[in-house]
Amino acid sequence: MQTLFYPISINSIMDIQGVPVEDTYCEAFDGIVSRMIITAKDEKLLMRAITSATALPSTVFNEAEGAVEKLLKPSETPDKRPGAVIQLWVNYMKNARENLETQLGKRIRQGILVVPTTRVFNALGPSEQDPGLKTEDSIDMMNKVGHCGDGYEWVEKRFGREMINIPLMMGEFLIEKKLGVKKGVMGGNVWFFCDSEESALDAGARAVDAIKNVEGAITSFDVCSAGSKVGGRFPEIGPSTNHPFCPTLVGKIPESKVPKGIKSIPEIVIDGVTLESVKEAMRVAMLAAVGVKGVKLISAGNYGGKLGKYHIYLKDLV
């Protein structure tokens, strides 16, 4: 195991391939998610649509966050075209379902519908084979998306599904009439304490790539450079920088918790349709990151148990 010199006490009870793992946990919390398949005529149009729909994670403003879960081959999509599975989430609180409906309307209309040749299909429902993807609940997309057709839209059977057909200046936009929704888990995370920006980027990228193989899990921030904390001097802007873990503040603040020699600490934030999918994503992320020489410690972010009811201990994952 590597020898590290810490300005504070770090409790490490295990290691992964020689990299210490702190005896700590991440806090995760309830969310509500819609999971869908997006397709387009070609990969360029597809990438534009899925990037637009999932960009700008904004749950701190009570809006939505999302990401691409996985890319699909044409043989894996309902209309046999290039596709991807994406997820869109909102926090689980009062009126969460209504908020998700509103956010879906924004992201689909402005991120997907405006991209030529795109279509949207449901990927959560009672017919799903994976128990974690089953749900009886759904949102009818006519109000928030279908009526974008200004009354000229119609419902038809296409690809064995009930689809809303919205006439556009470049043809049509098809969206499945009902998109499944279910309760899931948000905010799982792992931190990698790295000796350089380069090793941090490498470790983060490997972790994100590994999570793409976990069914039902996403990384809404990809490699996140700005782990936040609860509270701060300017509460009106929401969560603020987690200053004890900022390497550039070492020597400037007495409460620094950055170990000697650590220059960068990426955070990988994970949402999943089940608690098990979040745990598996955290596990594979850690296993992937330890392959980078500059990773010196693995930890996770929590808020003293005040944020989320799910406490996922790193020691239980590997």
C-alpha atoms as a PDB file:
ATOM      1  CA  MET A   1       0.000   0.000   0.000  1.00  0.00           C
ATOM      2  CA  GLN A   2       1.203   3.492  -0.805  1.00  0.00           C
ATOM      3  CA  THR A   3       2.441   5.742   2.013  1.00  0.00           C
ATOM      4  CA  LEU A   4       0.724   9.121   2.124  1.00  0.00           C
ATOM      5  CA  PHE A   5       1.205  12.100   4.417  1.00  0.00           C
ATOM      6  CA  TYR A   6      -2.063  13.764   5.376  1.00  0.00           C
ATOM      7  CA  PRO A   7      -2.705  17.076   7.135  1.00  0.00           C
ATOM      8  CA  ILE A   8      -5.780  15.342   8.643  1.00  0.00           C
ATOM      9  CA  SER A   9      -6.548  11.776   9.647  1.00  0.00           C
ATOM     10  CA  ILE A  10      -7.607   9.522   6.787  1.00  0.00           C
ATOM     11  CA  ASN A  11      -9.128   6.177   7.741  1.00  0.00           C
ATOM     12  CA  SER A  12      -8.108   3.552   5.190  1.00  0.00           C
ATOM     13  CA  ILE A  13      -9.137  -0.013   5.920  1.00  0.00           C
ATOM     14  CA  MET A  14      -8.476  -1.581   2.534  1.00  0.00           C
ATOM     15  CA  ASP A  15      -6.869  -1.039  -0.823  1.00  0.00           C
ATOM     16  CA  ILE A  16      -7.529  -1.888  -4.442  1.00  0.00           C
ATOM     17  CA  GLN A  17      -4.396  -2.951  -6.282  1.00  0.00           C
ATOM     18  CA  GLY A  18      -2.329  -0.972  -3.794  1.00  0.00           C
ATOM     19  CA  VAL A  19      -4.481   2.176  -3.848  1.00  0.00           C
ATOM     20  CA  PRO A  20      -5.912   3.012  -0.388  1.00  0.00           C
ATOM     21  CA  VAL A  21      -9.687   3.262  -0.060  1.00  0.00           C
ATOM     22  CA  GLU A  22     -10.996   5.556   2.647  1.00  0.00           C
ATOM     23  CA  ASP A  23     -13.450   4.093   5.167  1.00  0.00           C
ATOM     24  CA  THR A  24     -16.293   6.383   4.188  1.00  0.00           C
ATOM     25  CA  TYR A  25     -19.544   6.477   2.252  1.00  0.00           C
ATOM     26  CA  CYS A  26     -21.374   8.532  -0.311  1.00  0.00           C
ATOM     27  CA  GLU A  27     -24.851   9.863   0.292  1.00  0.00           C
ATOM     28  CA  ALA A  28     -27.440   9.200  -2.370  1.00  0.00           C
ATOM     29  CA  PHE A  29     -31.068  10.255  -2.500  1.00  0.00           C
ATOM     30  CA  ASP A  30     -34.335   9.578  -4.299  1.00  0.00           C
ATOM     31  CA  GLY A  31     -35.010  10.852  -7.790  1.00  0.00           C
ATOM     32  CA  ILE A  32     -37.509  10.195 -10.547  1.00  0.00           C
ATOM     33  CA  VAL A  33     -36.348   9.245 -14.021  1.00  0.00           C
ATOM     34  CA  SER A  34     -37.545   8.762 -17.563  1.00  0.00           C
ATOM     35  CA  ARG A  35     -35.451   6.478 -19.766  1.00  0.00           C
ATOM     36  CA  MET A  36     -35.836   6.633 -23.527  1.00  0.00           C
ATOM     37  CA  ILE A  37     -34.311   5.602 -26.828  1.00  0.00           C
ATOM     38  CA  ILE A  38     -33.410   8.374 -29.272  1.00  0.00           C
ATOM     39  CA  THR A  39     -32.796   7.551 -32.935  1.00  0.00           C
ATOM     40  CA  ALA A  40     -31.834   9.538 -36.027  1.00  0.00           C
ATOM     41  CA  LYS A  41     -30.987   9.009 -39.668  1.00  0.00           C
ATOM     42  CA  ASP A  42     -27.239   9.111 -39.019  1.00  0.00           C
ATOM     43  CA  GLU A  43     -24.794   9.272 -36.129  1.00  0.00           C
ATOM     44  CA  LYS A  44     -24.017  12.974 -36.585  1.00  0.00           C
ATOM     45  CA  LEU A  45     -27.659  13.966 -36.110  1.00  0.00           C
ATOM     46  CA  LEU A  46     -28.018  11.496 -33.253  1.00  0.00           C
ATOM     47  CA  MET A  47     -25.045  12.917 -31.356  1.00  0.00           C
ATOM     48  CA  ARG A  48     -26.352  16.450 -31.776  1.00  0.00           C
ATOM     49  CA  ALA A  49     -29.742  15.462 -30.340  1.00  0.00           C
ATOM     50  CA  ILE A  50     -28.565  13.432 -27.362  1.00  0.00           C
ATOM     51  CA  THR A  51     -25.955  16.014 -26.433  1.00  0.00           C
ATOM     52  CA  SER A  52     -28.491  18.844 -26.549  1.00  0.00           C
ATOM     53  CA  ALA A  53     -31.072  16.913 -24.542  1.00  0.00           C
ATOM     54  CA  THR A  54     -28.724  15.860 -21.740  1.00  0.00           C
ATOM     55  CA  ALA A  55     -26.427  18.881 -21.439  1.00  0.00           C
ATOM     56  CA  LEU A  56     -26.456  21.333 -18.514  1.00  0.00           C
ATOM     57  CA  PRO A  57     -27.272  19.311 -15.366  1.00  0.00           C
ATOM     58  CA  SER A  58     -29.577  21.624 -13.412  1.00  0.00           C
ATOM     59  CA  THR A  59     -31.197  19.757 -10.521  1.00  0.00           C
ATOM     60  CA  VAL A  60     -29.688  22.315  -8.107  1.00  0.00           C
ATOM     61  CA  PHE A  61     -32.144  24.740  -9.718  1.00  0.00           C
ATOM     62  CA  ASN A  62     -34.997  22.196  -9.422  1.00  0.00           C
ATOM     63  CA  GLU A  63     -34.760  21.405 -13.111  1.00  0.00           C
ATOM     64  CA  ALA A  64     -33.319  18.293 -14.781  1.00  0.00           C
ATOM     65  CA  GLU A  65     -30.090  16.411 -15.287  1.00  0.00           C
ATOM     66  CA  GLY A  66     -29.364  13.536 -17.603  1.00  0.00           C
ATOM     67  CA  ALA A  67     -26.849  11.653 -19.665  1.00  0.00           C
ATOM     68  CA  VAL A  68     -26.388   9.040 -22.333  1.00  0.00           C
ATOM     69  CA  GLU A  69     -26.532   5.584 -20.783  1.00  0.00           C
ATOM     70  CA  LYS A  70     -25.310   3.748 -23.874  1.00  0.00           C
ATOM     71  CA  LEU A  71     -25.156   3.889 -27.654  1.00  0.00           C
ATOM     72  CA  LEU A  72     -27.169   1.389 -29.685  1.00  0.00           C
ATOM     73  CA  LYS A  73     -26.570  -0.358 -32.981  1.00  0.00           C
ATOM     74  CA  PRO A  74     -29.328  -0.038 -35.600  1.00  0.00           C
ATOM     75  CA  SER A  75     -30.232  -3.668 -34.915  1.00  0.00           C
ATOM     76  CA  GLU A  76     -31.010  -2.715 -31.297  1.00  0.00           C
ATOM     77  CA  THR A  77     -33.453   0.156 -31.964  1.00  0.00           C
ATOM     78  CA  PRO A  78     -37.199   0.004 -32.756  1.00  0.00           C
ATOM     79  CA  ASP A  79     -36.780   1.662 -36.175  1.00  0.00           C
ATOM     80  CA  LYS A  80     -33.431   0.024 -37.088  1.00  0.00           C
ATOM     81  CA  ARG A  81     -31.501   3.300 -37.156  1.00  0.00           C
ATOM     82  CA  PRO A  82     -28.560   4.585 -35.090  1.00  0.00           C
ATOM     83  CA  GLY A  83     -29.695   5.209 -31.534  1.00  0.00           C
ATOM     84  CA  ALA A  84     -28.875   5.791 -27.894  1.00  0.00           C
ATOM     85  CA  VAL A  85     -30.462   5.250 -24.502  1.00  0.00           C
ATOM     86  CA  ILE A  86     -30.658   8.437 -22.444  1.00  0.00           C
ATOM     87  CA  GLN A  87     -31.996   9.211 -18.989  1.00  0.00           C
ATOM     88  CA  LEU A  88     -33.507  12.442 -17.670  1.00  0.00           C
ATOM     89  CA  TRP A  89     -33.910  12.976 -13.914  1.00  0.00           C
ATOM     90  CA  VAL A  90     -35.426  15.384 -11.405  1.00  0.00           C
ATOM     91  CA  ASN A  91     -35.232  15.365  -7.609  1.00  0.00           C
ATOM     92  CA  TYR A  92     -37.906  13.352  -5.834  1.00  0.00           C
ATOM     93  CA  MET A  93     -39.964  15.839  -3.848  1.00  0.00           C
ATOM     94  CA  LYS A  94     -43.422  17.361  -3.877  1.00  0.00           C
ATOM     95  CA  ASN A  95     -44.763  17.592  -7.444  1.00  0.00           C
ATOM     96  CA  ALA A  96     -41.728  15.665  -8.751  1.00  0.00           C
ATOM     97  CA  ARG A  97     -43.787  13.894 -11.414  1.00  0.00           C
ATOM     98  CA  GLU A  98     -45.219  17.169 -12.696  1.00  0.00           C
ATOM     99  CA  ASN A  99     -41.738  18.704 -12.713  1.00  0.00           C
ATOM    100  CA  LEU A 100     -40.349  15.775 -14.684  1.00  0.00           C
ATOM    101  CA  GLU A 101     -43.136  16.186 -17.242  1.00  0.00           C
ATOM    102  CA  THR A 102     -42.222  19.857 -17.650  1.00  0.00           C
ATOM    103  CA  GLN A 103     -38.506  19.130 -17.936  1.00  0.00           C
ATOM    104  CA  LEU A 104     -39.100  16.371 -20.475  1.00  0.00           C
ATOM    105  CA  GLY A 105     -41.082  18.851 -22.537  1.00  0.00           C
ATOM    106  CA  LYS A 106     -38.195  21.331 -22.512  1.00  0.00           C
ATOM    107  CA  ARG A 107     -35.449  18.852 -23.257  1.00  0.00           C
ATOM    108  CA  ILE A 108     -37.308  16.921 -25.935  1.00  0.00           C
ATOM    109  CA  ARG A 109     -38.796  19.911 -27.756  1.00  0.00           C
ATOM    110  CA  GLN A 110     -35.673  22.067 -27.718  1.00  0.00           C
ATOM    111  CA  GLY A 111     -33.001  19.385 -27.733  1.00  0.00           C
ATOM    112  CA  ILE A 112     -34.383  16.571 -29.879  1.00  0.00           C
ATOM    113  CA  LEU A 113     -37.442  17.605 -31.916  1.00  0.00           C
ATOM    114  CA  VAL A 114     -35.505  20.443 -33.576  1.00  0.00           C
ATOM    115  CA  VAL A 115     -32.828  18.032 -34.841  1.00  0.00           C
ATOM    116  CA  PRO A 116     -33.888  16.627 -38.247  1.00  0.00           C
ATOM    117  CA  THR A 117     -35.033  12.978 -38.510  1.00  0.00           C
ATOM    118  CA  THR A 118     -35.045  12.270 -34.756  1.00  0.00           C
ATOM    119  CA  ARG A 119     -37.500   9.982 -32.941  1.00  0.00           C
ATOM    120  CA  VAL A 120     -38.145   9.163 -29.280  1.00  0.00           C
ATOM    121  CA  PHE A 121     -39.144   5.751 -27.908  1.00  0.00           C
ATOM    122  CA  ASN A 122     -39.918   4.647 -24.378  1.00  0.00           C
ATOM    123  CA  ALA A 123     -37.347   2.441 -22.568  1.00  0.00           C
ATOM    124  CA  LEU A 124     -39.127   1.899 -19.222  1.00  0.00           C
ATOM    125  CA  GLY A 125     -42.306  -0.087 -18.877  1.00  0.00           C
ATOM    126  CA  PRO A 126     -44.206  -3.195 -17.841  1.00  0.00           C
ATOM    127  CA  SER A 127     -42.838  -5.226 -20.761  1.00  0.00           C
ATOM    128  CA  GLU A 128     -39.151  -4.710 -19.892  1.00  0.00           C
ATOM    129  CA  GLN A 129     -37.286  -7.945 -19.168  1.00  0.00           C
ATOM    130  CA  ASP A 130     -34.917  -6.374 -16.630  1.00  0.00           C
ATOM    131  CA  PRO A 131     -36.798  -6.009 -13.273  1.00  0.00           C
ATOM    132  CA  GLY A 132     -34.940  -2.764 -12.603  1.00  0.00           C
ATOM    133  CA  LEU A 133     -36.449  -1.242 -15.750  1.00  0.00           C
ATOM    134  CA  LYS A 134     -40.039  -2.256 -15.066  1.00  0.00           C
ATOM    135  CA  THR A 135     -42.654   0.359 -14.204  1.00  0.00           C
ATOM    136  CA  GLU A 136     -46.392   0.743 -14.532  1.00  0.00           C
ATOM    137  CA  ASP A 137     -46.194   4.536 -14.330  1.00  0.00           C
ATOM    138  CA  SER A 138     -45.866   6.757 -17.390  1.00  0.00           C
ATOM    139  CA  ILE A 139     -46.328  10.323 -18.584  1.00  0.00           C
ATOM    140  CA  ASP A 140     -48.511  11.104 -21.587  1.00  0.00           C
ATOM    141  CA  MET A 141     -46.358  13.326 -23.805  1.00  0.00           C
ATOM    142  CA  MET A 142     -49.209  14.877 -25.754  1.00  0.00           C
ATOM    143  CA  ASN A 143     -49.534  17.962 -23.537  1.00  0.00           C
ATOM    144  CA  LYS A 144     -45.876  18.945 -23.239  1.00  0.00           C
ATOM    145  CA  VAL A 145     -44.607  17.746 -26.636  1.00  0.00           C
ATOM    146  CA  GLY A 146     -47.415  16.546 -28.891  1.00  0.00           C
ATOM    147  CA  HIS A 147     -49.293  19.838 -28.905  1.00  0.00           C
ATOM    148  CA  CYS A 148     -46.195  21.459 -30.356  1.00  0.00           C
ATOM    149  CA  GLY A 149     -47.995  20.416 -33.543  1.00  0.00           C
ATOM    150  CA  ASP A 150     -50.597  23.119 -32.766  1.00  0.00           C
ATOM    151  CA  GLY A 151     -53.486  20.696 -33.190  1.00  0.00           C
ATOM    152  CA  TYR A 152     -52.220  19.220 -36.458  1.00  0.00           C
ATOM    153  CA  GLU A 153     -50.511  16.302 -34.662  1.00  0.00           C
ATOM    154  CA  TRP A 154     -52.049  12.828 -34.649  1.00  0.00           C
ATOM    155  CA  VAL A 155     -51.534   9.443 -32.986  1.00  0.00           C
ATOM    156  CA  GLU A 156     -50.723   6.364 -35.047  1.00  0.00           C
ATOM    157  CA  LYS A 157     -49.255   2.891 -34.733  1.00  0.00           C
ATOM    158  CA  ARG A 158     -45.634   2.752 -35.914  1.00  0.00           C
ATOM    159  CA  PHE A 159     -42.929   0.214 -35.087  1.00  0.00           C
ATOM    160  CA  GLY A 160     -45.453  -1.664 -32.940  1.00  0.00           C
ATOM    161  CA  ARG A 161     -45.882   1.360 -30.650  1.00  0.00           C
ATOM    162  CA  GLU A 162     -48.388   4.149 -30.137  1.00  0.00           C
ATOM    163  CA  MET A 163     -46.634   7.209 -31.548  1.00  0.00           C
ATOM    164  CA  ILE A 164     -47.479  10.895 -31.733  1.00  0.00           C
ATOM    165  CA  ASN A 165     -46.727  12.246 -35.209  1.00  0.00           C
ATOM    166  CA  ILE A 166     -45.917  15.976 -35.240  1.00  0.00           C
ATOM    167  CA  PRO A 167     -45.680  17.570 -38.698  1.00  0.00           C
ATOM    168  CA  LEU A 168     -42.565  19.686 -39.166  1.00  0.00           C
ATOM    169  CA  MET A 169     -41.094  21.805 -41.941  1.00  0.00           C
ATOM    170  CA  MET A 170     -38.575  18.990 -42.488  1.00  0.00           C
ATOM    171  CA  GLY A 171     -41.035  16.105 -42.397  1.00  0.00           C
ATOM    172  CA  GLU A 172     -42.194  14.581 -39.129  1.00  0.00           C
ATOM    173  CA  PHE A 173     -41.207  14.082 -35.502  1.00  0.00           C
ATOM    174  CA  LEU A 174     -42.277  10.861 -33.847  1.00  0.00           C
ATOM    175  CA  ILE A 175     -42.440  10.359 -30.097  1.00  0.00           C
ATOM    176  CA  GLU A 176     -43.978   7.462 -28.230  1.00  0.00           C
ATOM    177  CA  LYS A 177     -47.171   8.720 -26.640  1.00  0.00           C
ATOM    178  CA  LYS A 178     -46.331   7.493 -23.141  1.00  0.00           C
ATOM    179  CA  LEU A 179     -42.858   7.565 -21.612  1.00  0.00           C
ATOM    180  CA  GLY A 180     -42.318   5.387 -18.563  1.00  0.00           C
ATOM    181  CA  VAL A 181     -41.177   6.968 -15.300  1.00  0.00           C
ATOM    182  CA  LYS A 182     -39.973   5.421 -12.066  1.00  0.00           C
ATOM    183  CA  LYS A 183     -38.325   6.233  -8.779  1.00  0.00           C
ATOM    184  CA  GLY A 184     -34.560   5.763  -8.751  1.00  0.00           C
ATOM    185  CA  VAL A 185     -31.425   6.784  -6.879  1.00  0.00           C
ATOM    186  CA  MET A 186     -29.380   9.928  -7.527  1.00  0.00           C
ATOM    187  CA  GLY A 187     -26.089  11.261  -6.255  1.00  0.00           C
ATOM    188  CA  GLY A 188     -23.913   8.186  -5.865  1.00  0.00           C
ATOM    189  CA  ASN A 189     -20.289   9.260  -6.218  1.00  0.00           C
ATOM    190  CA  VAL A 190     -16.628   8.392  -5.968  1.00  0.00           C
ATOM    191  CA  TRP A 191     -13.598  10.683  -5.634  1.00  0.00           C
ATOM    192  CA  PHE A 192     -10.102  10.039  -6.946  1.00  0.00           C
ATOM    193  CA  PHE A 193      -7.203  11.849  -5.255  1.00  0.00           C
ATOM    194  CA  CYS A 194      -4.609  12.253  -8.018  1.00  0.00           C
ATOM    195  CA  ASP A 195      -1.066  13.573  -8.272  1.00  0.00           C
ATOM    196  CA  SER A 196      -1.685  15.610 -11.451  1.00  0.00           C
ATOM    197  CA  GLU A 197      -4.373  16.967 -13.719  1.00  0.00           C
ATOM    198  CA  GLU A 198      -3.344  14.430 -16.349  1.00  0.00           C
ATOM    199  CA  SER A 199      -3.786  11.436 -14.050  1.00  0.00           C
ATOM    200  CA  ALA A 200      -7.102  12.848 -12.824  1.00  0.00           C
ATOM    201  CA  LEU A 201      -8.457  13.187 -16.357  1.00  0.00           C
ATOM    202  CA  ASP A 202      -7.270   9.681 -17.230  1.00  0.00           C
ATOM    203  CA  ALA A 203      -8.781   8.123 -14.113  1.00  0.00           C
ATOM    204  CA  GLY A 204     -12.056   9.969 -14.582  1.00  0.00           C
ATOM    205  CA  ALA A 205     -12.328   8.974 -18.228  1.00  0.00           C
ATOM    206  CA  ARG A 206     -11.681   5.318 -17.422  1.00  0.00           C
ATOM    207  CA  ALA A 207     -14.319   5.388 -14.697  1.00  0.00           C
ATOM    208  CA  VAL A 208     -16.915   6.973 -16.980  1.00  0.00           C
ATOM    209  CA  ASP A 209     -16.198   4.438 -19.731  1.00  0.00           C
ATOM    210  CA  ALA A 210     -16.591   1.568 -17.253  1.00  0.00           C
ATOM    211  CA  ILE A 211     -19.950   2.864 -16.060  1.00  0.00           C
ATOM    212  CA  LYS A 212     -21.270   2.787 -19.627  1.00  0.00           C
ATOM    213  CA  ASN A 213     -21.340  -1.008 -19.294  1.00  0.00           C
ATOM    214  CA  VAL A 214     -23.689  -0.871 -16.294  1.00  0.00           C
ATOM    215  CA  GLU A 215     -27.340  -1.223 -17.280  1.00  0.00           C
ATOM    216  CA  GLY A 216     -29.476   1.571 -15.891  1.00  0.00           C
ATOM    217  CA  ALA A 217     -26.682   3.866 -14.636  1.00  0.00           C
ATOM    218  CA  ILE A 218     -25.441   7.216 -15.915  1.00  0.00           C
ATOM    219  CA  THR A 219     -22.841   9.832 -15.020  1.00  0.00           C
ATOM    220  CA  SER A 220     -24.710  13.119 -15.315  1.00  0.00           C
ATOM    221  CA  PHE A 221     -21.544  15.272 -15.075  1.00  0.00           C
ATOM    222  CA  ASP A 222     -19.114  12.927 -16.870  1.00  0.00           C
ATOM    223  CA  VAL A 223     -15.815  13.802 -15.125  1.00  0.00           C
ATOM    224  CA  CYS A 224     -16.811  16.501 -12.628  1.00  0.00           C
ATOM    225  CA  SER A 225     -14.239  19.091 -11.611  1.00  0.00           C
ATOM    226  CA  ALA A 226     -16.347  20.810  -8.947  1.00  0.00           C
ATOM    227  CA  GLY A 227     -17.564  18.701  -6.064  1.00  0.00           C
ATOM    228  CA  SER A 228     -19.839  20.916  -3.981  1.00  0.00           C
ATOM    229  CA  LYS A 229     -20.792  21.272  -0.332  1.00  0.00           C
ATOM    230  CA  VAL A 230     -23.979  22.097   1.517  1.00  0.00           C
ATOM    231  CA  GLY A 231     -24.031  25.666   2.778  1.00  0.00           C
ATOM    232  CA  GLY A 232     -21.692  28.524   2.051  1.00  0.00           C
ATOM    233  CA  ARG A 233     -21.332  32.268   2.217  1.00  0.00           C
ATOM    234  CA  PHE A 234     -23.723  32.909  -0.657  1.00  0.00           C
ATOM    235  CA  PRO A 235     -26.755  30.604  -0.150  1.00  0.00           C
ATOM    236  CA  GLU A 236     -28.709  32.383  -2.861  1.00  0.00           C
ATOM    237  CA  ILE A 237     -26.598  30.668  -5.547  1.00  0.00           C
ATOM    238  CA  GLY A 238     -27.051  27.166  -4.115  1.00  0.00           C
ATOM    239  CA  PRO A 239     -24.251  24.615  -3.531  1.00  0.00           C
ATOM    240  CA  SER A 240     -20.773  26.117  -3.517  1.00  0.00           C
ATOM    241  CA  THR A 241     -17.215  24.918  -3.973  1.00  0.00           C
ATOM    242  CA  ASN A 242     -16.058  22.256  -1.505  1.00  0.00           C
ATOM    243  CA  HIS A 243     -13.172  24.431  -0.349  1.00  0.00           C
ATOM    244  CA  PRO A 244     -11.443  21.981   2.046  1.00  0.00           C
ATOM    245  CA  PHE A 245     -10.791  19.719  -0.954  1.00  0.00           C
ATOM    246  CA  CYS A 246      -9.511  22.364  -3.390  1.00  0.00           C
ATOM    247  CA  PRO A 247      -5.790  21.752  -4.072  1.00  0.00           C
ATOM    248  CA  THR A 248      -5.219  25.417  -4.992  1.00  0.00           C
ATOM    249  CA  LEU A 249      -6.178  26.409  -1.424  1.00  0.00           C
ATOM    250  CA  VAL A 250      -3.533  24.254   0.257  1.00  0.00           C
ATOM    251  CA  GLY A 251      -1.470  26.535   2.490  1.00  0.00           C
ATOM    252  CA  LYS A 252      -4.090  29.276   2.272  1.00  0.00           C
ATOM    253  CA  ILE A 253      -6.746  27.828   4.577  1.00  0.00           C
ATOM    254  CA  PRO A 254      -6.256  25.968   7.863  1.00  0.00           C
ATOM    255  CA  GLU A 255      -9.088  23.510   7.211  1.00  0.00           C
ATOM    256  CA  SER A 256      -7.573  22.015   4.043  1.00  0.00           C
ATOM    257  CA  LYS A 257      -8.171  18.276   3.712  1.00  0.00           C
ATOM    258  CA  VAL A 258      -6.014  17.787   0.631  1.00  0.00           C
ATOM    259  CA  PRO A 259      -3.194  15.279   1.223  1.00  0.00           C
ATOM    260  CA  LYS A 260       0.367  16.263   0.409  1.00  0.00           C
ATOM    261  CA  GLY A 261       1.182  15.769  -3.268  1.00  0.00           C
ATOM    262  CA  ILE A 262      -2.458  15.736  -4.431  1.00  0.00           C
ATOM    263  CA  LYS A 263      -3.094  18.162  -7.281  1.00  0.00           C
ATOM    264  CA  SER A 264      -6.516  17.191  -8.614  1.00  0.00           C
ATOM    265  CA  ILE A 265      -9.635  15.431  -7.238  1.00  0.00           C
ATOM    266  CA  PRO A 266     -12.222  14.472  -9.872  1.00  0.00           C
ATOM    267  CA  GLU A 267     -15.694  13.408  -8.764  1.00  0.00           C
ATOM    268  CA  ILE A 268     -17.821  10.903 -10.658  1.00  0.00           C
ATOM    269  CA  VAL A 269     -21.521  11.442  -9.911  1.00  0.00           C
ATOM    270  CA  ILE A 270     -23.872   8.535 -10.606  1.00  0.00           C
ATOM    271  CA  ASP A 271     -27.641   8.184 -11.019  1.00  0.00           C
ATOM    272  CA  GLY A 272     -29.274   4.799 -11.445  1.00  0.00           C
ATOM    273  CA  VAL A 273     -32.704   3.284 -11.949  1.00  0.00           C
ATOM    274  CA  THR A 274     -32.046   1.089  -8.880  1.00  0.00           C
ATOM    275  CA  LEU A 275     -29.782   1.291  -5.833  1.00  0.00           C
ATOM    276  CA  GLU A 276     -28.016  -1.820  -7.123  1.00  0.00           C
ATOM    277  CA  SER A 277     -27.159  -0.139 -10.427  1.00  0.00           C
ATOM    278  CA  VAL A 278     -25.626   2.816  -8.559  1.00  0.00           C
ATOM    279  CA  LYS A 279     -23.543   0.502  -6.377  1.00  0.00           C
ATOM    280  CA  GLU A 280     -22.322  -1.468  -9.380  1.00  0.00           C
ATOM    281  CA  ALA A 281     -21.412   1.734 -11.207  1.00  0.00           C
ATOM    282  CA  MET A 282     -19.394   2.931  -8.217  1.00  0.00           C
ATOM    283  CA  ARG A 283     -17.652  -0.435  -8.006  1.00  0.00           C
ATOM    284  CA  VAL A 284     -16.585  -0.574 -11.657  1.00  0.00           C
ATOM    285  CA  ALA A 285     -15.531   3.083 -11.549  1.00  0.00           C
ATOM    286  CA  MET A 286     -13.119   2.380  -8.712  1.00  0.00           C
ATOM    287  CA  LEU A 287     -11.721  -0.725 -10.372  1.00  0.00           C
ATOM    288  CA  ALA A 288     -11.154   1.202 -13.591  1.00  0.00           C
ATOM    289  CA  ALA A 289      -9.471   4.181 -11.931  1.00  0.00           C
ATOM    290  CA  VAL A 290      -6.855   2.207 -10.001  1.00  0.00           C
ATOM    291  CA  GLY A 291      -5.259   1.322 -13.320  1.00  0.00           C
ATOM    292  CA  VAL A 292      -3.928   4.898 -13.451  1.00  0.00           C
ATOM    293  CA  LYS A 293      -0.578   5.285 -11.724  1.00  0.00           C
ATOM    294  CA  GLY A 294      -1.282   8.767 -10.401  1.00  0.00           C
ATOM    295  CA  VAL A 295      -4.362   7.766  -8.367  1.00  0.00           C
ATOM    296  CA  LYS A 296      -3.245   7.889  -4.718  1.00  0.00           C
ATOM    297  CA  LEU A 297      -6.498   7.519  -2.793  1.00  0.00           C
ATOM    298  CA  ILE A 298     -10.165   6.676  -3.409  1.00  0.00           C
ATOM    299  CA  SER A 299     -12.882   8.357  -1.360  1.00  0.00           C
ATOM    300  CA  ALA A 300     -16.432   9.673  -1.687  1.00  0.00           C
ATOM    301  CA  GLY A 301     -18.440  12.766  -0.878  1.00  0.00           C
ATOM    302  CA  ASN A 302     -21.019  12.967   1.879  1.00  0.00           C
ATOM    303  CA  TYR A 303     -22.638  15.647   3.989  1.00  0.00           C
ATOM    304  CA  GLY A 304     -22.678  14.056   7.413  1.00  0.00           C
ATOM    305  CA  GLY A 305     -25.788  12.057   6.612  1.00  0.00           C
ATOM    306  CA  LYS A 306     -27.926  15.155   6.074  1.00  0.00           C
ATOM    307  CA  LEU A 307     -28.500  14.967   2.311  1.00  0.00           C
ATOM    308  CA  GLY A 308     -29.655  11.494   1.349  1.00  0.00           C
ATOM    309  CA  LYS A 309     -31.103   8.409   2.997  1.00  0.00           C
ATOM    310  CA  TYR A 310     -28.876   5.981   1.069  1.00  0.00           C
ATOM    311  CA  HIS A 311     -25.403   5.587   2.584  1.00  0.00           C
ATOM    312  CA  ILE A 312     -23.228   3.546   0.246  1.00  0.00           C
ATOM    313  CA  TYR A 313     -20.018   2.454   1.955  1.00  0.00           C
ATOM    314  CA  LEU A 314     -16.994   1.984  -0.274  1.00  0.00           C
ATOM    315  CA  LYS A 315     -15.822  -1.002   1.781  1.00  0.00           C
ATOM    316  CA  ASP A 316     -18.966  -2.911   0.786  1.00  0.00           C
ATOM    317  CA  LEU A 317     -18.392  -2.536  -2.954  1.00  0.00           C
ATOM    318  CA  VAL A 318     -15.105  -4.373  -3.576  1.00  0.00           C
END
